[in-house]
C-alpha atoms as a PDB file:
ATOM      1  CA  MET A   1     -39.558  48.932  29.122  1.00  0.00           C
ATOM      2  CA  LEU A   2     -39.006  52.231  30.914  1.00  0.00           C
ATOM      3  CA  ALA A   3     -39.306  50.505  34.299  1.00  0.00           C
ATOM      4  CA  LEU A   4     -36.633  47.994  33.275  1.00  0.00           C
ATOM      5  CA  LEU A   5     -34.243  50.766  32.232  1.00  0.00           C
ATOM      6  CA  TYR A   6     -34.931  52.629  35.476  1.00  0.00           C
ATOM      7  CA  THR A   7     -34.174  49.496  37.511  1.00  0.00           C
ATOM      8  CA  ILE A   8     -30.934  48.880  35.607  1.00  0.00           C
ATOM      9  CA  ALA A   9     -29.845  52.482  36.120  1.00  0.00           C
ATOM     10  CA  GLN A  10     -30.666  52.272  39.822  1.00  0.00           C
ATOM     11  CA  ARG A  11     -28.654  49.093  40.272  1.00  0.00           C
ATOM     12  CA  ARG A  12     -25.679  50.426  38.328  1.00  0.00           C
ATOM     13  CA  TYR A  13     -25.699  53.555  40.465  1.00  0.00           C
ATOM     14  CA  ALA A  14     -25.791  51.453  43.646  1.00  0.00           C
ATOM     15  CA  ASP A  15     -22.937  49.264  42.358  1.00  0.00           C
ATOM     16  CA  GLU A  16     -20.830  52.307  41.554  1.00  0.00           C
ATOM     17  CA  ARG A  17     -21.454  53.816  45.006  1.00  0.00           C
ATOM     18  CA  ARG A  18     -20.337  50.544  46.638  1.00  0.00           C
ATOM     19  CA  ARG A  19     -17.187  50.483  44.492  1.00  0.00           C
ATOM     20  CA  GLN A  20     -16.377  54.063  45.442  1.00  0.00           C
ATOM     21  CA  HIS A  21     -17.011  53.321  49.100  1.00  0.00           C
ATOM     22  CA  ARG A  22     -14.583  50.385  49.075  1.00  0.00           C
ATOM     23  CA  THR A  23     -11.840  52.428  47.446  1.00  0.00           C
ATOM     24  CA  LEU A  24     -12.012  55.044  50.193  1.00  0.00           C
ATOM     25  CA  GLU A  25      -9.924  54.565  53.304  1.00  0.00           C
ATOM     26  CA  GLN A  26     -11.460  51.734  55.293  1.00  0.00           C
ATOM     27  CA  VAL A  27     -12.499  52.508  58.850  1.00  0.00           C
ATOM     28  CA  PRO A  28     -11.138  50.021  61.390  1.00  0.00           C
ATOM     29  CA  PHE A  29     -13.817  48.007  63.138  1.00  0.00           C
ATOM     30  CA  ALA A  30     -13.064  49.534  66.547  1.00  0.00           C
ATOM     31  CA  GLU A  31     -13.781  53.033  65.232  1.00  0.00           C
ATOM     32  CA  ALA A  32     -17.068  52.141  63.519  1.00  0.00           C
ATOM     33  CA  ALA A  33     -19.198  52.719  66.621  1.00  0.00           C
ATOM     34  CA  GLU A  34     -17.658  56.127  67.235  1.00  0.00           C
ATOM     35  CA  LEU A  35     -18.568  57.227  63.711  1.00  0.00           C
ATOM     36  CA  ASN A  36     -22.039  55.704  63.590  1.00  0.00           C
ATOM     37  CA  GLY A  37     -23.184  55.836  67.201  1.00  0.00           C
ATOM     38  CA  SER A  38     -25.460  58.655  68.263  1.00  0.00           C
ATOM     39  CA  GLU A  39     -25.930  59.691  71.874  1.00  0.00           C
ATOM     40  CA  ASN A  40     -29.014  57.492  72.226  1.00  0.00           C
ATOM     41  CA  GLY A  41     -27.501  54.614  70.284  1.00  0.00           C
ATOM     42  CA  HIS A  42     -24.085  54.682  71.919  1.00  0.00           C
ATOM     43  CA  GLU A  43     -24.897  51.916  74.414  1.00  0.00           C
ATOM     44  CA  LEU A  44     -26.413  49.791  71.666  1.00  0.00           C
ATOM     45  CA  ALA A  45     -23.356  50.326  69.469  1.00  0.00           C
ATOM     46  CA  GLU A  46     -21.055  49.328  72.340  1.00  0.00           C
ATOM     47  CA  ALA A  47     -23.091  46.164  73.005  1.00  0.00           C
ATOM     48  CA  LEU A  48     -23.018  45.266  69.318  1.00  0.00           C
ATOM     49  CA  ILE A  49     -19.262  45.808  69.057  1.00  0.00           C
ATOM     50  CA  SER A  50     -18.697  43.697  72.171  1.00  0.00           C
ATOM     51  CA  ALA A  51     -20.866  40.935  70.710  1.00  0.00           C
ATOM     52  CA  ILE A  52     -18.977  41.052  67.402  1.00  0.00           C
ATOM     53  CA  ARG A  53     -15.656  40.862  69.255  1.00  0.00           C
ATOM     54  CA  ARG A  54     -16.837  37.682  70.994  1.00  0.00           C
ATOM     55  CA  LEU A  55     -17.434  35.949  67.640  1.00  0.00           C
ATOM     56  CA  PRO A  56     -14.804  33.506  66.375  1.00  0.00           C
ATOM     57  CA  GLU A  57     -12.214  35.236  64.165  1.00  0.00           C
ATOM     58  CA  SER A  58     -13.565  33.867  60.864  1.00  0.00           C
ATOM     59  CA  GLN A  59     -17.111  35.015  61.668  1.00  0.00           C
ATOM     60  CA  ARG A  60     -15.863  38.388  62.901  1.00  0.00           C
ATOM     61  CA  GLN A  61     -13.971  38.906  59.627  1.00  0.00           C
ATOM     62  CA  LEU A  62     -17.033  37.977  57.605  1.00  0.00           C
ATOM     63  CA  VAL A  63     -19.364  40.290  59.545  1.00  0.00           C
ATOM     64  CA  THR A  64     -16.879  43.152  59.290  1.00  0.00           C
ATOM     65  CA  MET A  65     -16.320  42.688  55.553  1.00  0.00           C
ATOM     66  CA  LYS A  66     -19.971  42.226  54.669  1.00  0.00           C
ATOM     67  CA  LEU A  67     -21.829  44.574  57.004  1.00  0.00           C
ATOM     68  CA  ILE A  68     -19.310  47.300  57.812  1.00  0.00           C
ATOM     69  CA  ARG A  69     -17.225  47.489  54.657  1.00  0.00           C
ATOM     70  CA  GLY A  70     -20.047  46.523  52.304  1.00  0.00           C
ATOM     71  CA  CYS A  71     -18.128  43.828  50.432  1.00  0.00           C
ATOM     72  CA  SER A  72     -20.026  41.435  48.189  1.00  0.00           C
ATOM     73  CA  PHE A  73     -20.330  37.736  48.952  1.00  0.00           C
ATOM     74  CA  ALA A  74     -17.915  37.045  46.095  1.00  0.00           C
ATOM     75  CA  GLU A  75     -15.309  39.329  47.681  1.00  0.00           C
ATOM     76  CA  THR A  76     -15.777  37.880  51.158  1.00  0.00           C
ATOM     77  CA  ALA A  77     -15.673  34.314  49.847  1.00  0.00           C
ATOM     78  CA  ASP A  78     -12.474  35.044  47.934  1.00  0.00           C
ATOM     79  CA  ALA A  79     -10.815  36.678  50.951  1.00  0.00           C
ATOM     80  CA  LEU A  80     -11.757  33.772  53.231  1.00  0.00           C
ATOM     81  CA  GLY A  81     -10.956  31.076  50.655  1.00  0.00           C
ATOM     82  CA  VAL A  82     -14.450  29.555  50.635  1.00  0.00           C
ATOM     83  CA  SER A  83     -17.351  29.346  48.194  1.00  0.00           C
ATOM     84  CA  GLU A  84     -20.021  32.050  48.060  1.00  0.00           C
ATOM     85  CA  ALA A  85     -22.555  29.580  49.444  1.00  0.00           C
ATOM     86  CA  ALA A  86     -20.250  28.866  52.394  1.00  0.00           C
ATOM     87  CA  ALA A  87     -19.787  32.605  53.000  1.00  0.00           C
ATOM     88  CA  LYS A  88     -23.566  33.095  53.023  1.00  0.00           C
ATOM     89  CA  MET A  89     -24.066  30.218  55.453  1.00  0.00           C
ATOM     90  CA  ARG A  90     -21.289  31.479  57.735  1.00  0.00           C
ATOM     91  CA  LEU A  91     -22.844  34.947  57.755  1.00  0.00           C
ATOM     92  CA  GLN A  92     -26.213  33.485  58.737  1.00  0.00           C
ATOM     93  CA  ARG A  93     -24.556  31.564  61.585  1.00  0.00           C
ATOM     94  CA  ALA A  94     -22.647  34.668  62.713  1.00  0.00           C
ATOM     95  CA  LEU A  95     -25.832  36.745  62.707  1.00  0.00           C
ATOM     96  CA  GLY A  96     -27.577  34.012  64.691  1.00  0.00           C
ATOM     97  CA  SER A  97     -24.757  34.070  67.246  1.00  0.00           C
ATOM     98  CA  LEU A  98     -24.979  37.855  67.466  1.00  0.00           C
ATOM     99  CA  ARG A  99     -28.742  37.698  67.937  1.00  0.00           C
ATOM    100  CA  THR A 100     -28.373  35.130  70.723  1.00  0.00           C
ATOM    101  CA  ASP A 101     -25.638  37.155  72.429  1.00  0.00           C
ATOM    102  CA  LEU A 102     -27.676  40.363  72.294  1.00  0.00           C
ATOM    103  CA  ASN A 103     -30.820  38.589  73.519  1.00  0.00           C
ATOM    104  CA  GLN A 104     -28.854  37.270  76.508  1.00  0.00           C
ATOM    105  CA  GLN A 105     -27.948  40.881  77.285  1.00  0.00           C
ATOM    106  CA  GLU A 106     -31.655  41.696  76.966  1.00  0.00           C
ATOM    107  CA  ILE A 107     -31.055  43.878  73.928  1.00  0.00           C
ATOM    108  CA  THR A 108     -33.806  43.411  71.356  1.00  0.00           C
ATOM    109  CA  PRO A 109     -34.526  45.203  68.088  1.00  0.00           C
END
């Protein structure tokens, strides 16, 4: 029973942190690399941003909302006017496109 309560508390804390994060001023996509890129990771961040910019607009919006802003699938689906299942599938396709693009640039994890 204690483990269940601990898990619930952990998840509520994580939910609250995400809510607080979304209410803060959102960082534009173009500035994300400057904030998160270290000296060693600067080239990787630039390659990733370039790859995201090459995505179709709907996929770019989805990737930005989900991975950079931390929005839930419900929020992204609502913003894009699609179902949650469609948002999940589109994210998988966008990530696949990003992976292919980065592999073509010989950038691997």
